[in-house]
Amino acid sequence: MIKFDKAESMKSLDDIVYDEMIPAGEGWMHPLLKGQVLRIIDLEGNQGLDFLCYDLHNPEDHYSATQTIINQKKLYINTGTVLLTESGKPLLKMVADTCTCHDTIGGACATESNTVRYGHHTLHMKTCRDSFIMMIAEHADKYSKADLVPNVNLFAQILALPDGSFEFLDGISEPGSYVEFEAMNDTMILISNCPQINNPCSGYAPTTNRVVIWDK
């Protein structure tokens, strides 16, 4: 298990300009303008969340796991991590984190991977990739399935093993755990609140997450 020091926020919920609930298994797509701060709250604990971000004005320049990992020289993200695009442009900086365990390599659950991991009886189950596709379909003038790239998994433990494989571990986020990202440039946020009942990262019982935004 990889953990970092917690970093709590001094921001007050009395000052938010946006407040939305994301039910388990649903998606959310919303712009975050430069200087604004997004908090993602794991209301009941152990709820994995798949997260992507894009240059708002150039959607083809999306979050890059490779650029981010190389720049910070570690696989996991924590307070101070800057999420970079393919071009190296900084989009978001994690400015608060009370969970301290987030993954960059496990990817989003999909029908194909679920049937391999858990069996063909899961073929009908909704996945994070499904939620991503439904969200970008609402912005089809700018986004397509080609823009679905390796994502960040918030509130999730995915352990990289010495042989190059990795293992999904039990979730460890407590009820009310949160992360905050400050927009370093205008950014489009794409989230899937994971519906996966077979993955221990979501405690086998997916729940609602909350997102709030403060203005710059």
N, C-alpha and C. Protein backbone atom coordinates (compact mmCIF):
# COMPACT_ATOMS: atom_id res chain seq x y z
N MET A 1 0.84 -1.19 0.00
CA MET A 1 0.00 0.00 0.00
C MET A 1 0.87 1.24 0.00
N ILE A 2 0.56 2.21 -0.89
CA ILE A 2 1.28 3.47 -0.97
C ILE A 2 0.42 4.57 -0.39
N LYS A 3 0.94 5.27 0.61
CA LYS A 3 0.20 6.38 1.20
C LYS A 3 1.13 7.57 1.38
N PHE A 4 0.52 8.78 1.33
CA PHE A 4 1.24 10.01 1.54
C PHE A 4 0.58 10.78 2.68
N ASP A 5 1.21 11.87 3.10
CA ASP A 5 0.65 12.67 4.18
C ASP A 5 -0.65 13.34 3.73
N LYS A 6 -1.62 13.39 4.64
CA LYS A 6 -2.86 14.08 4.34
C LYS A 6 -2.63 15.59 4.30
N ALA A 7 -3.43 16.26 3.49
CA ALA A 7 -3.37 17.72 3.39
C ALA A 7 -4.80 18.24 3.33
N GLU A 8 -5.28 18.78 4.44
CA GLU A 8 -6.65 19.27 4.49
C GLU A 8 -6.77 20.66 3.89
N SER A 9 -7.99 21.00 3.49
CA SER A 9 -8.26 22.29 2.87
C SER A 9 -8.77 23.29 3.91
N MET A 10 -8.48 24.56 3.65
CA MET A 10 -9.00 25.63 4.50
C MET A 10 -10.28 26.24 3.91
N LYS A 11 -10.74 25.73 2.78
CA LYS A 11 -11.89 26.31 2.11
C LYS A 11 -13.20 25.96 2.84
N SER A 12 -14.16 26.88 2.77
CA SER A 12 -15.46 26.70 3.41
C SER A 12 -16.52 26.36 2.37
N LEU A 13 -17.34 25.38 2.68
CA LEU A 13 -18.43 25.03 1.77
C LEU A 13 -19.46 26.14 1.66
N ASP A 14 -19.42 27.11 2.55
CA ASP A 14 -20.33 28.25 2.46
C ASP A 14 -20.04 29.11 1.23
N ASP A 15 -18.84 28.96 0.66
CA ASP A 15 -18.41 29.84 -0.43
C ASP A 15 -18.46 29.20 -1.80
N ILE A 16 -18.99 27.99 -1.90
CA ILE A 16 -18.98 27.29 -3.19
C ILE A 16 -19.93 27.97 -4.17
N VAL A 17 -19.60 27.82 -5.47
CA VAL A 17 -20.45 28.38 -6.53
C VAL A 17 -21.14 27.28 -7.34
N TYR A 18 -20.83 26.02 -7.02
CA TYR A 18 -21.41 24.89 -7.75
C TYR A 18 -21.44 23.69 -6.81
N ASP A 19 -22.51 22.90 -6.89
CA ASP A 19 -22.67 21.75 -6.00
C ASP A 19 -23.50 20.70 -6.72
N GLU A 20 -22.95 19.49 -6.87
CA GLU A 20 -23.65 18.45 -7.61
C GLU A 20 -23.34 17.08 -7.01
N MET A 21 -24.33 16.21 -7.01
CA MET A 21 -24.16 14.82 -6.61
C MET A 21 -23.98 13.95 -7.85
N ILE A 22 -23.06 12.99 -7.79
CA ILE A 22 -22.88 12.02 -8.87
C ILE A 22 -23.26 10.65 -8.33
N PRO A 23 -24.43 10.13 -8.68
CA PRO A 23 -24.84 8.81 -8.17
C PRO A 23 -23.87 7.72 -8.63
N ALA A 24 -23.83 6.65 -7.89
CA ALA A 24 -22.98 5.51 -8.28
C ALA A 24 -23.33 5.06 -9.68
N GLY A 25 -22.31 4.85 -10.49
CA GLY A 25 -22.52 4.36 -11.84
C GLY A 25 -22.82 5.44 -12.86
N GLU A 26 -22.87 6.70 -12.44
CA GLU A 26 -23.17 7.80 -13.36
C GLU A 26 -21.91 8.59 -13.67
N GLY A 27 -22.02 9.45 -14.68
CA GLY A 27 -20.89 10.28 -15.09
C GLY A 27 -21.17 11.75 -14.86
N TRP A 28 -20.12 12.56 -15.04
CA TRP A 28 -20.22 14.01 -14.87
C TRP A 28 -19.16 14.66 -15.74
N MET A 29 -19.52 15.70 -16.46
CA MET A 29 -18.59 16.40 -17.33
C MET A 29 -18.87 17.89 -17.19
N HIS A 30 -17.81 18.66 -16.84
CA HIS A 30 -18.04 20.07 -16.50
C HIS A 30 -16.74 20.84 -16.65
N PRO A 31 -16.78 22.08 -17.13
CA PRO A 31 -15.56 22.88 -17.22
C PRO A 31 -15.13 23.42 -15.86
N LEU A 32 -13.82 23.55 -15.70
CA LEU A 32 -13.23 24.19 -14.53
C LEU A 32 -12.29 25.26 -15.06
N LEU A 33 -12.61 26.52 -14.79
CA LEU A 33 -11.85 27.62 -15.36
C LEU A 33 -10.61 27.92 -14.52
N LYS A 34 -9.62 28.49 -15.17
CA LYS A 34 -8.34 28.78 -14.51
C LYS A 34 -8.56 29.51 -13.20
N GLY A 35 -7.98 28.97 -12.13
CA GLY A 35 -8.10 29.57 -10.81
C GLY A 35 -9.21 28.98 -9.97
N GLN A 36 -10.20 28.33 -10.59
CA GLN A 36 -11.25 27.68 -9.83
C GLN A 36 -10.71 26.41 -9.16
N VAL A 37 -11.38 26.00 -8.08
CA VAL A 37 -10.97 24.81 -7.34
C VAL A 37 -12.13 23.83 -7.27
N LEU A 38 -11.86 22.59 -7.63
CA LEU A 38 -12.83 21.50 -7.59
C LEU A 38 -12.53 20.58 -6.42
N ARG A 39 -13.53 20.31 -5.60
CA ARG A 39 -13.41 19.29 -4.55
C ARG A 39 -14.29 18.11 -4.92
N ILE A 40 -13.74 16.91 -4.83
CA ILE A 40 -14.49 15.67 -5.05
C ILE A 40 -14.56 14.95 -3.70
N ILE A 41 -15.78 14.68 -3.24
CA ILE A 41 -15.99 14.14 -1.90
C ILE A 41 -16.53 12.72 -1.98
N ASP A 42 -15.84 11.80 -1.34
CA ASP A 42 -16.28 10.41 -1.24
C ASP A 42 -17.21 10.33 -0.02
N LEU A 43 -18.49 10.47 -0.23
CA LEU A 43 -19.43 10.68 0.87
C LEU A 43 -19.49 9.52 1.86
N GLU A 44 -19.50 8.29 1.34
CA GLU A 44 -19.67 7.14 2.23
C GLU A 44 -18.40 6.30 2.39
N GLY A 45 -17.34 6.65 1.65
CA GLY A 45 -16.08 5.94 1.76
C GLY A 45 -15.96 4.79 0.79
N ASN A 46 -14.72 4.48 0.41
CA ASN A 46 -14.40 3.34 -0.45
C ASN A 46 -15.12 3.37 -1.80
N GLN A 47 -15.30 4.57 -2.36
CA GLN A 47 -15.95 4.66 -3.67
C GLN A 47 -14.94 5.11 -4.72
N GLY A 48 -14.49 4.16 -5.54
CA GLY A 48 -13.55 4.50 -6.60
C GLY A 48 -14.17 5.42 -7.63
N LEU A 49 -13.36 6.29 -8.20
CA LEU A 49 -13.83 7.29 -9.16
C LEU A 49 -12.80 7.43 -10.27
N ASP A 50 -13.25 7.31 -11.52
CA ASP A 50 -12.37 7.43 -12.69
C ASP A 50 -12.40 8.85 -13.20
N PHE A 51 -11.22 9.41 -13.47
CA PHE A 51 -11.09 10.86 -13.66
C PHE A 51 -10.22 11.15 -14.88
N LEU A 52 -10.72 12.02 -15.77
CA LEU A 52 -9.96 12.50 -16.92
C LEU A 52 -10.11 14.01 -17.03
N CYS A 53 -9.16 14.64 -17.71
CA CYS A 53 -9.24 16.08 -17.92
C CYS A 53 -8.63 16.45 -19.27
N TYR A 54 -9.11 17.56 -19.82
CA TYR A 54 -8.75 18.00 -21.16
C TYR A 54 -8.53 19.51 -21.18
N ASP A 55 -7.65 19.98 -22.05
CA ASP A 55 -7.55 21.40 -22.33
C ASP A 55 -8.91 21.84 -22.88
N LEU A 56 -9.58 22.75 -22.18
CA LEU A 56 -10.94 23.15 -22.56
C LEU A 56 -11.01 23.69 -23.98
N HIS A 57 -9.96 24.36 -24.40
CA HIS A 57 -9.98 25.01 -25.71
C HIS A 57 -9.31 24.18 -26.80
N ASN A 58 -8.73 23.08 -26.42
CA ASN A 58 -8.08 22.17 -27.38
C ASN A 58 -8.24 20.74 -26.87
N PRO A 59 -9.44 20.17 -27.02
CA PRO A 59 -9.74 18.86 -26.42
C PRO A 59 -8.79 17.74 -26.82
N GLU A 60 -8.12 17.89 -27.97
CA GLU A 60 -7.18 16.85 -28.38
C GLU A 60 -5.96 16.79 -27.46
N ASP A 61 -5.72 17.86 -26.71
CA ASP A 61 -4.61 17.87 -25.76
C ASP A 61 -5.17 17.45 -24.40
N HIS A 62 -5.15 16.15 -24.16
CA HIS A 62 -5.79 15.56 -22.99
C HIS A 62 -4.76 15.16 -21.93
N TYR A 63 -5.27 14.82 -20.78
CA TYR A 63 -4.42 14.30 -19.69
C TYR A 63 -3.53 13.18 -20.21
N SER A 64 -2.27 13.23 -19.80
CA SER A 64 -1.31 12.20 -20.17
C SER A 64 -0.75 11.55 -18.92
N ALA A 65 -1.05 10.27 -18.74
CA ALA A 65 -0.46 9.53 -17.61
C ALA A 65 1.06 9.51 -17.74
N THR A 66 1.54 9.33 -18.96
CA THR A 66 2.99 9.23 -19.18
C THR A 66 3.69 10.53 -18.79
N GLN A 67 3.20 11.65 -19.31
CA GLN A 67 3.82 12.94 -18.98
C GLN A 67 3.77 13.22 -17.48
N THR A 68 2.64 12.91 -16.88
CA THR A 68 2.47 13.18 -15.44
C THR A 68 3.39 12.30 -14.60
N ILE A 69 3.46 11.01 -14.92
CA ILE A 69 4.31 10.09 -14.16
C ILE A 69 5.77 10.45 -14.30
N ILE A 70 6.21 10.73 -15.53
CA ILE A 70 7.62 11.08 -15.76
C ILE A 70 7.98 12.37 -15.03
N ASN A 71 7.10 13.36 -15.10
CA ASN A 71 7.38 14.65 -14.48
C ASN A 71 7.50 14.54 -12.97
N GLN A 72 6.64 13.76 -12.33
CA GLN A 72 6.67 13.69 -10.86
C GLN A 72 7.51 12.52 -10.34
N LYS A 73 7.93 11.64 -11.27
CA LYS A 73 8.83 10.54 -10.92
C LYS A 73 8.21 9.56 -9.92
N LYS A 74 6.89 9.35 -10.02
CA LYS A 74 6.23 8.33 -9.22
C LYS A 74 4.90 7.97 -9.86
N LEU A 75 4.40 6.76 -9.54
CA LEU A 75 3.19 6.26 -10.16
C LEU A 75 1.92 6.83 -9.54
N TYR A 76 2.00 7.25 -8.30
CA TYR A 76 0.79 7.65 -7.58
C TYR A 76 0.75 9.16 -7.43
N ILE A 77 -0.43 9.71 -7.35
CA ILE A 77 -0.54 11.17 -7.22
C ILE A 77 -0.94 11.54 -5.80
N ASN A 78 -0.52 12.72 -5.39
CA ASN A 78 -0.84 13.23 -4.06
C ASN A 78 -0.78 14.75 -4.11
N THR A 79 -0.93 15.39 -2.96
CA THR A 79 -0.92 16.85 -2.89
C THR A 79 0.36 17.39 -3.52
N GLY A 80 0.18 18.36 -4.41
CA GLY A 80 1.31 18.94 -5.13
C GLY A 80 1.48 18.39 -6.53
N THR A 81 0.88 17.23 -6.83
CA THR A 81 0.96 16.66 -8.16
C THR A 81 0.27 17.57 -9.17
N VAL A 82 0.92 17.78 -10.31
CA VAL A 82 0.34 18.53 -11.42
C VAL A 82 -0.01 17.55 -12.53
N LEU A 83 -1.25 17.56 -12.98
CA LEU A 83 -1.68 16.71 -14.08
C LEU A 83 -1.37 17.42 -15.39
N LEU A 84 -0.57 16.76 -16.24
CA LEU A 84 -0.10 17.34 -17.49
C LEU A 84 -0.79 16.70 -18.68
N THR A 85 -0.84 17.46 -19.79
CA THR A 85 -1.40 16.95 -21.03
C THR A 85 -0.30 16.30 -21.87
N GLU A 86 -0.69 15.77 -23.03
CA GLU A 86 0.28 15.19 -23.95
C GLU A 86 1.34 16.21 -24.38
N SER A 87 0.96 17.47 -24.50
CA SER A 87 1.91 18.50 -24.91
C SER A 87 2.76 19.00 -23.75
N GLY A 88 2.45 18.54 -22.53
CA GLY A 88 3.17 18.99 -21.34
C GLY A 88 2.52 20.18 -20.66
N LYS A 89 1.33 20.58 -21.12
CA LYS A 89 0.64 21.72 -20.52
C LYS A 89 0.05 21.34 -19.16
N PRO A 90 0.26 22.15 -18.13
CA PRO A 90 -0.33 21.85 -16.82
C PRO A 90 -1.81 22.20 -16.80
N LEU A 91 -2.63 21.26 -16.40
CA LEU A 91 -4.06 21.51 -16.32
C LEU A 91 -4.54 21.70 -14.89
N LEU A 92 -4.19 20.75 -14.03
CA LEU A 92 -4.70 20.76 -12.67
C LEU A 92 -3.59 20.47 -11.67
N LYS A 93 -3.70 21.09 -10.50
CA LYS A 93 -2.78 20.79 -9.40
C LYS A 93 -3.60 20.31 -8.21
N MET A 94 -3.22 19.15 -7.65
CA MET A 94 -3.89 18.67 -6.45
C MET A 94 -3.43 19.52 -5.27
N VAL A 95 -4.38 20.21 -4.65
CA VAL A 95 -4.02 21.15 -3.57
C VAL A 95 -4.49 20.69 -2.21
N ALA A 96 -5.30 19.64 -2.15
CA ALA A 96 -5.71 19.07 -0.86
C ALA A 96 -6.08 17.61 -1.10
N ASP A 97 -5.87 16.79 -0.05
CA ASP A 97 -6.11 15.35 -0.19
C ASP A 97 -6.17 14.73 1.19
N THR A 98 -7.33 14.18 1.55
CA THR A 98 -7.45 13.53 2.86
C THR A 98 -7.53 12.01 2.73
N CYS A 99 -7.36 11.49 1.52
CA CYS A 99 -7.35 10.03 1.32
C CYS A 99 -5.93 9.52 1.12
N THR A 100 -5.17 10.19 0.26
CA THR A 100 -3.74 9.95 0.01
C THR A 100 -3.44 8.66 -0.72
N CYS A 101 -4.40 8.09 -1.42
CA CYS A 101 -4.12 6.88 -2.19
C CYS A 101 -4.89 6.92 -3.49
N HIS A 102 -4.18 7.26 -4.58
CA HIS A 102 -4.81 7.43 -5.89
C HIS A 102 -3.88 6.85 -6.95
N ASP A 103 -4.48 6.22 -7.94
CA ASP A 103 -3.74 5.42 -8.92
C ASP A 103 -3.72 6.07 -10.30
N THR A 104 -2.64 5.81 -11.06
CA THR A 104 -2.53 6.34 -12.42
C THR A 104 -2.40 5.25 -13.48
N ILE A 105 -2.42 3.98 -13.10
CA ILE A 105 -2.10 2.93 -14.08
C ILE A 105 -3.20 1.90 -14.29
N GLY A 106 -4.18 1.83 -13.44
CA GLY A 106 -5.17 0.76 -13.52
C GLY A 106 -6.19 0.92 -14.63
N GLY A 107 -6.40 2.16 -15.09
CA GLY A 107 -7.35 2.39 -16.16
C GLY A 107 -8.80 2.28 -15.72
N ALA A 108 -9.71 2.49 -16.68
CA ALA A 108 -11.14 2.43 -16.40
C ALA A 108 -11.67 1.02 -16.61
N CYS A 109 -12.62 0.62 -15.78
CA CYS A 109 -13.24 -0.68 -16.00
C CYS A 109 -14.05 -0.64 -17.30
N ALA A 110 -14.02 -1.74 -18.04
CA ALA A 110 -14.71 -1.87 -19.31
C ALA A 110 -15.28 -3.27 -19.42
N THR A 111 -16.22 -3.45 -20.32
CA THR A 111 -16.85 -4.76 -20.48
C THR A 111 -15.81 -5.84 -20.73
N GLU A 112 -14.85 -5.55 -21.61
CA GLU A 112 -13.85 -6.56 -21.97
C GLU A 112 -12.99 -6.96 -20.78
N SER A 113 -12.49 -5.96 -20.05
CA SER A 113 -11.62 -6.27 -18.91
C SER A 113 -12.39 -6.91 -17.77
N ASN A 114 -13.64 -6.51 -17.59
CA ASN A 114 -14.43 -7.11 -16.51
C ASN A 114 -14.68 -8.60 -16.74
N THR A 115 -14.95 -8.97 -17.99
CA THR A 115 -15.19 -10.39 -18.25
C THR A 115 -13.94 -11.23 -18.06
N VAL A 116 -12.77 -10.62 -18.31
CA VAL A 116 -11.50 -11.32 -18.07
C VAL A 116 -11.24 -11.46 -16.57
N ARG A 117 -11.46 -10.37 -15.83
CA ARG A 117 -11.14 -10.37 -14.40
C ARG A 117 -12.16 -11.16 -13.59
N TYR A 118 -13.45 -10.98 -13.91
CA TYR A 118 -14.49 -11.46 -13.01
C TYR A 118 -15.39 -12.54 -13.60
N GLY A 119 -15.34 -12.75 -14.92
CA GLY A 119 -16.15 -13.79 -15.54
C GLY A 119 -17.18 -13.22 -16.51
N HIS A 120 -17.65 -14.08 -17.40
CA HIS A 120 -18.57 -13.63 -18.44
C HIS A 120 -19.96 -13.29 -17.90
N HIS A 121 -20.24 -13.65 -16.66
CA HIS A 121 -21.54 -13.27 -16.09
C HIS A 121 -21.63 -11.77 -15.85
N THR A 122 -20.49 -11.06 -15.97
CA THR A 122 -20.50 -9.60 -15.78
C THR A 122 -20.73 -8.85 -17.09
N LEU A 123 -20.96 -9.57 -18.18
CA LEU A 123 -21.03 -8.97 -19.51
C LEU A 123 -22.07 -7.85 -19.59
N HIS A 124 -23.17 -7.97 -18.89
CA HIS A 124 -24.26 -6.99 -18.98
C HIS A 124 -24.06 -5.79 -18.06
N MET A 125 -23.07 -5.83 -17.19
CA MET A 125 -22.93 -4.79 -16.17
C MET A 125 -22.35 -3.49 -16.74
N LYS A 126 -22.86 -2.38 -16.26
CA LYS A 126 -22.37 -1.07 -16.68
C LYS A 126 -20.94 -0.88 -16.20
N THR A 127 -20.15 -0.13 -16.98
CA THR A 127 -18.74 0.11 -16.66
C THR A 127 -18.43 1.60 -16.70
N CYS A 128 -17.24 1.95 -16.22
CA CYS A 128 -16.80 3.35 -16.28
C CYS A 128 -16.64 3.81 -17.73
N ARG A 129 -16.16 2.92 -18.59
CA ARG A 129 -16.05 3.31 -19.99
C ARG A 129 -17.42 3.64 -20.57
N ASP A 130 -18.45 2.90 -20.17
CA ASP A 130 -19.81 3.22 -20.61
C ASP A 130 -20.20 4.63 -20.16
N SER A 131 -19.91 4.96 -18.91
CA SER A 131 -20.25 6.29 -18.39
C SER A 131 -19.48 7.37 -19.14
N PHE A 132 -18.20 7.13 -19.39
CA PHE A 132 -17.41 8.09 -20.16
C PHE A 132 -18.03 8.33 -21.53
N ILE A 133 -18.39 7.26 -22.22
CA ILE A 133 -18.94 7.38 -23.57
C ILE A 133 -20.26 8.15 -23.55
N MET A 134 -21.09 7.89 -22.54
CA MET A 134 -22.36 8.61 -22.45
C MET A 134 -22.15 10.10 -22.22
N MET A 135 -21.14 10.45 -21.44
CA MET A 135 -20.86 11.86 -21.18
C MET A 135 -20.33 12.56 -22.43
N ILE A 136 -19.36 11.95 -23.10
CA ILE A 136 -18.79 12.63 -24.27
C ILE A 136 -19.77 12.67 -25.43
N ALA A 137 -20.75 11.76 -25.44
CA ALA A 137 -21.78 11.80 -26.48
C ALA A 137 -22.60 13.09 -26.40
N GLU A 138 -22.66 13.67 -25.21
CA GLU A 138 -23.37 14.94 -25.04
C GLU A 138 -22.55 16.12 -25.53
N HIS A 139 -21.27 15.86 -25.84
CA HIS A 139 -20.36 16.90 -26.35
C HIS A 139 -19.71 16.39 -27.63
N ALA A 140 -20.52 15.73 -28.47
CA ALA A 140 -19.98 15.04 -29.65
C ALA A 140 -19.40 15.99 -30.68
N ASP A 141 -19.67 17.30 -30.55
CA ASP A 141 -19.08 18.27 -31.48
C ASP A 141 -17.60 18.45 -31.22
N LYS A 142 -17.13 18.08 -30.01
CA LYS A 142 -15.72 18.28 -29.66
C LYS A 142 -15.01 17.01 -29.20
N TYR A 143 -15.77 15.98 -28.76
CA TYR A 143 -15.15 14.80 -28.17
C TYR A 143 -15.67 13.54 -28.85
N SER A 144 -14.84 12.50 -28.85
CA SER A 144 -15.24 11.20 -29.37
C SER A 144 -14.58 10.11 -28.53
N LYS A 145 -14.87 8.85 -28.85
CA LYS A 145 -14.27 7.73 -28.11
C LYS A 145 -12.75 7.73 -28.19
N ALA A 146 -12.21 8.33 -29.23
CA ALA A 146 -10.75 8.41 -29.37
C ALA A 146 -10.12 9.25 -28.27
N ASP A 147 -10.93 10.06 -27.60
CA ASP A 147 -10.41 10.92 -26.53
C ASP A 147 -10.42 10.24 -25.17
N LEU A 148 -10.83 8.98 -25.13
CA LEU A 148 -10.82 8.24 -23.88
C LEU A 148 -9.46 7.56 -23.72
N VAL A 149 -8.64 8.14 -22.88
CA VAL A 149 -7.25 7.71 -22.70
C VAL A 149 -7.06 7.18 -21.27
N PRO A 150 -5.91 6.59 -20.96
CA PRO A 150 -5.67 6.12 -19.59
C PRO A 150 -5.94 7.22 -18.56
N ASN A 151 -6.67 6.87 -17.53
CA ASN A 151 -7.20 7.84 -16.58
C ASN A 151 -6.59 7.69 -15.19
N VAL A 152 -6.91 8.66 -14.35
CA VAL A 152 -6.58 8.59 -12.92
C VAL A 152 -7.72 7.87 -12.21
N ASN A 153 -7.37 7.03 -11.24
CA ASN A 153 -8.36 6.39 -10.37
C ASN A 153 -8.24 6.99 -8.97
N LEU A 154 -9.19 7.84 -8.64
CA LEU A 154 -9.18 8.47 -7.32
C LEU A 154 -9.78 7.54 -6.28
N PHE A 155 -9.28 7.64 -5.05
CA PHE A 155 -9.75 6.83 -3.92
C PHE A 155 -9.58 5.34 -4.21
N ALA A 156 -8.50 4.98 -4.90
CA ALA A 156 -8.31 3.59 -5.29
C ALA A 156 -6.88 3.15 -5.04
N GLN A 157 -6.72 1.93 -4.56
CA GLN A 157 -5.41 1.31 -4.39
C GLN A 157 -5.18 0.28 -5.48
N ILE A 158 -4.22 0.51 -6.32
CA ILE A 158 -3.83 -0.47 -7.33
C ILE A 158 -2.32 -0.61 -7.22
N LEU A 159 -1.89 -1.75 -6.73
CA LEU A 159 -0.50 -1.96 -6.36
C LEU A 159 0.30 -2.51 -7.54
N ALA A 160 1.38 -1.82 -7.91
CA ALA A 160 2.28 -2.31 -8.95
C ALA A 160 3.22 -3.35 -8.32
N LEU A 161 3.26 -4.53 -8.91
CA LEU A 161 4.06 -5.63 -8.38
C LEU A 161 5.39 -5.74 -9.11
N PRO A 162 6.41 -6.35 -8.49
CA PRO A 162 7.75 -6.42 -9.10
C PRO A 162 7.79 -7.10 -10.46
N ASP A 163 6.86 -8.01 -10.73
CA ASP A 163 6.88 -8.72 -12.02
C ASP A 163 6.19 -7.94 -13.13
N GLY A 164 5.76 -6.70 -12.83
CA GLY A 164 5.12 -5.88 -13.84
C GLY A 164 3.61 -5.96 -13.86
N SER A 165 3.04 -6.87 -13.11
CA SER A 165 1.58 -6.97 -13.01
C SER A 165 1.10 -6.01 -11.91
N PHE A 166 -0.21 -5.92 -11.75
CA PHE A 166 -0.72 -5.09 -10.67
C PHE A 166 -1.95 -5.74 -10.05
N GLU A 167 -2.28 -5.28 -8.85
CA GLU A 167 -3.32 -5.91 -8.06
C GLU A 167 -4.26 -4.85 -7.51
N PHE A 168 -5.58 -5.07 -7.68
CA PHE A 168 -6.58 -4.18 -7.11
C PHE A 168 -6.75 -4.52 -5.63
N LEU A 169 -6.60 -3.52 -4.79
CA LEU A 169 -6.70 -3.72 -3.34
C LEU A 169 -7.98 -3.10 -2.81
N ASP A 170 -8.33 -3.45 -1.57
CA ASP A 170 -9.51 -2.87 -0.94
C ASP A 170 -9.38 -1.35 -0.88
N GLY A 171 -10.53 -0.66 -1.03
CA GLY A 171 -10.53 0.78 -0.85
C GLY A 171 -10.22 1.16 0.59
N ILE A 172 -9.63 2.31 0.77
CA ILE A 172 -9.26 2.75 2.13
C ILE A 172 -9.80 4.13 2.47
N SER A 173 -10.52 4.77 1.54
CA SER A 173 -10.99 6.12 1.82
C SER A 173 -12.11 6.08 2.85
N GLU A 174 -12.06 7.00 3.79
CA GLU A 174 -13.07 7.06 4.84
C GLU A 174 -14.24 7.93 4.38
N PRO A 175 -15.41 7.76 4.98
CA PRO A 175 -16.54 8.62 4.63
C PRO A 175 -16.15 10.11 4.79
N GLY A 176 -16.43 10.88 3.75
CA GLY A 176 -16.09 12.30 3.79
C GLY A 176 -14.70 12.62 3.26
N SER A 177 -13.93 11.60 2.86
CA SER A 177 -12.61 11.86 2.26
C SER A 177 -12.78 12.71 1.01
N TYR A 178 -11.79 13.55 0.72
CA TYR A 178 -11.90 14.40 -0.46
C TYR A 178 -10.53 14.70 -1.05
N VAL A 179 -10.58 15.12 -2.32
CA VAL A 179 -9.41 15.70 -2.98
C VAL A 179 -9.85 17.03 -3.57
N GLU A 180 -8.88 17.95 -3.71
CA GLU A 180 -9.15 19.22 -4.38
C GLU A 180 -8.12 19.44 -5.48
N PHE A 181 -8.62 19.93 -6.62
CA PHE A 181 -7.77 20.30 -7.74
C PHE A 181 -7.99 21.77 -8.06
N GLU A 182 -6.89 22.50 -8.22
CA GLU A 182 -6.97 23.88 -8.71
C GLU A 182 -6.64 23.88 -10.20
N ALA A 183 -7.45 24.58 -10.99
CA ALA A 183 -7.22 24.65 -12.43
C ALA A 183 -6.09 25.62 -12.73
N MET A 184 -5.03 25.12 -13.35
CA MET A 184 -3.91 25.96 -13.75
C MET A 184 -4.16 26.57 -15.12
N ASN A 185 -5.07 25.95 -15.87
CA ASN A 185 -5.56 26.47 -17.15
C ASN A 185 -7.01 26.00 -17.29
N ASP A 186 -7.75 26.61 -18.21
CA ASP A 186 -9.14 26.21 -18.42
C ASP A 186 -9.19 24.73 -18.80
N THR A 187 -10.00 23.96 -18.09
CA THR A 187 -9.98 22.51 -18.18
C THR A 187 -11.39 21.94 -18.25
N MET A 188 -11.56 20.89 -19.03
CA MET A 188 -12.80 20.12 -19.00
C MET A 188 -12.57 18.88 -18.15
N ILE A 189 -13.44 18.67 -17.18
CA ILE A 189 -13.34 17.52 -16.28
C ILE A 189 -14.33 16.45 -16.72
N LEU A 190 -13.88 15.20 -16.74
CA LEU A 190 -14.74 14.06 -17.06
C LEU A 190 -14.59 13.02 -15.95
N ILE A 191 -15.72 12.64 -15.36
CA ILE A 191 -15.71 11.71 -14.22
C ILE A 191 -16.69 10.57 -14.47
N SER A 192 -16.28 9.37 -14.07
CA SER A 192 -17.20 8.25 -13.92
C SER A 192 -17.16 7.81 -12.46
N ASN A 193 -18.32 7.84 -11.81
CA ASN A 193 -18.41 7.33 -10.45
C ASN A 193 -18.63 5.83 -10.55
N CYS A 194 -17.59 5.08 -10.32
CA CYS A 194 -17.49 3.67 -10.73
C CYS A 194 -18.69 2.83 -10.29
N PRO A 195 -19.31 2.10 -11.25
CA PRO A 195 -20.44 1.23 -10.93
C PRO A 195 -20.05 -0.20 -10.56
N GLN A 196 -18.75 -0.47 -10.53
CA GLN A 196 -18.26 -1.85 -10.48
C GLN A 196 -18.46 -2.49 -9.11
N ILE A 197 -19.36 -3.48 -9.05
CA ILE A 197 -19.63 -4.16 -7.78
C ILE A 197 -18.66 -5.29 -7.51
N ASN A 198 -17.79 -5.60 -8.48
CA ASN A 198 -16.83 -6.70 -8.32
C ASN A 198 -15.45 -6.22 -7.88
N ASN A 199 -15.23 -4.92 -7.89
CA ASN A 199 -13.92 -4.35 -7.62
C ASN A 199 -13.81 -3.92 -6.16
N PRO A 200 -12.83 -4.42 -5.42
CA PRO A 200 -12.70 -4.04 -4.01
C PRO A 200 -12.41 -2.56 -3.79
N CYS A 201 -11.91 -1.87 -4.83
CA CYS A 201 -11.64 -0.43 -4.69
C CYS A 201 -12.91 0.34 -4.39
N SER A 202 -14.07 -0.20 -4.77
CA SER A 202 -15.34 0.45 -4.48
C SER A 202 -16.12 -0.26 -3.38
N GLY A 203 -15.42 -1.08 -2.62
CA GLY A 203 -16.05 -1.72 -1.48
C GLY A 203 -17.19 -2.66 -1.85
N TYR A 204 -17.27 -3.06 -3.13
CA TYR A 204 -18.30 -3.97 -3.62
C TYR A 204 -19.72 -3.40 -3.50
N ALA A 205 -19.84 -2.12 -3.17
CA ALA A 205 -21.16 -1.50 -3.01
C ALA A 205 -21.05 -0.03 -3.41
N PRO A 206 -21.09 0.29 -4.70
CA PRO A 206 -20.89 1.67 -5.17
C PRO A 206 -21.88 2.65 -4.55
N THR A 207 -21.38 3.86 -4.28
CA THR A 207 -22.18 4.89 -3.62
C THR A 207 -21.99 6.24 -4.32
N THR A 208 -22.73 7.22 -3.85
CA THR A 208 -22.73 8.56 -4.44
C THR A 208 -21.50 9.35 -4.03
N ASN A 209 -20.97 10.13 -4.97
CA ASN A 209 -19.94 11.13 -4.68
C ASN A 209 -20.49 12.53 -4.90
N ARG A 210 -19.83 13.52 -4.33
CA ARG A 210 -20.27 14.91 -4.44
C ARG A 210 -19.14 15.75 -5.03
N VAL A 211 -19.47 16.68 -5.90
CA VAL A 211 -18.48 17.62 -6.44
C VAL A 211 -18.93 19.03 -6.16
N VAL A 212 -17.99 19.87 -5.69
CA VAL A 212 -18.27 21.28 -5.45
C VAL A 212 -17.15 22.11 -6.07
N ILE A 213 -17.46 23.35 -6.41
CA ILE A 213 -16.47 24.24 -7.05
C ILE A 213 -16.48 25.58 -6.34
N TRP A 214 -15.27 26.09 -6.12
CA TRP A 214 -15.07 27.46 -5.66
C TRP A 214 -14.58 28.32 -6.83
N ASP A 215 -15.02 29.57 -6.86
CA ASP A 215 -14.56 30.46 -7.92
C ASP A 215 -13.16 30.94 -7.60
N LYS A 216 -12.48 31.40 -8.65
CA LYS A 216 -11.12 31.88 -8.47
C LYS A 216 -11.11 33.16 -7.66
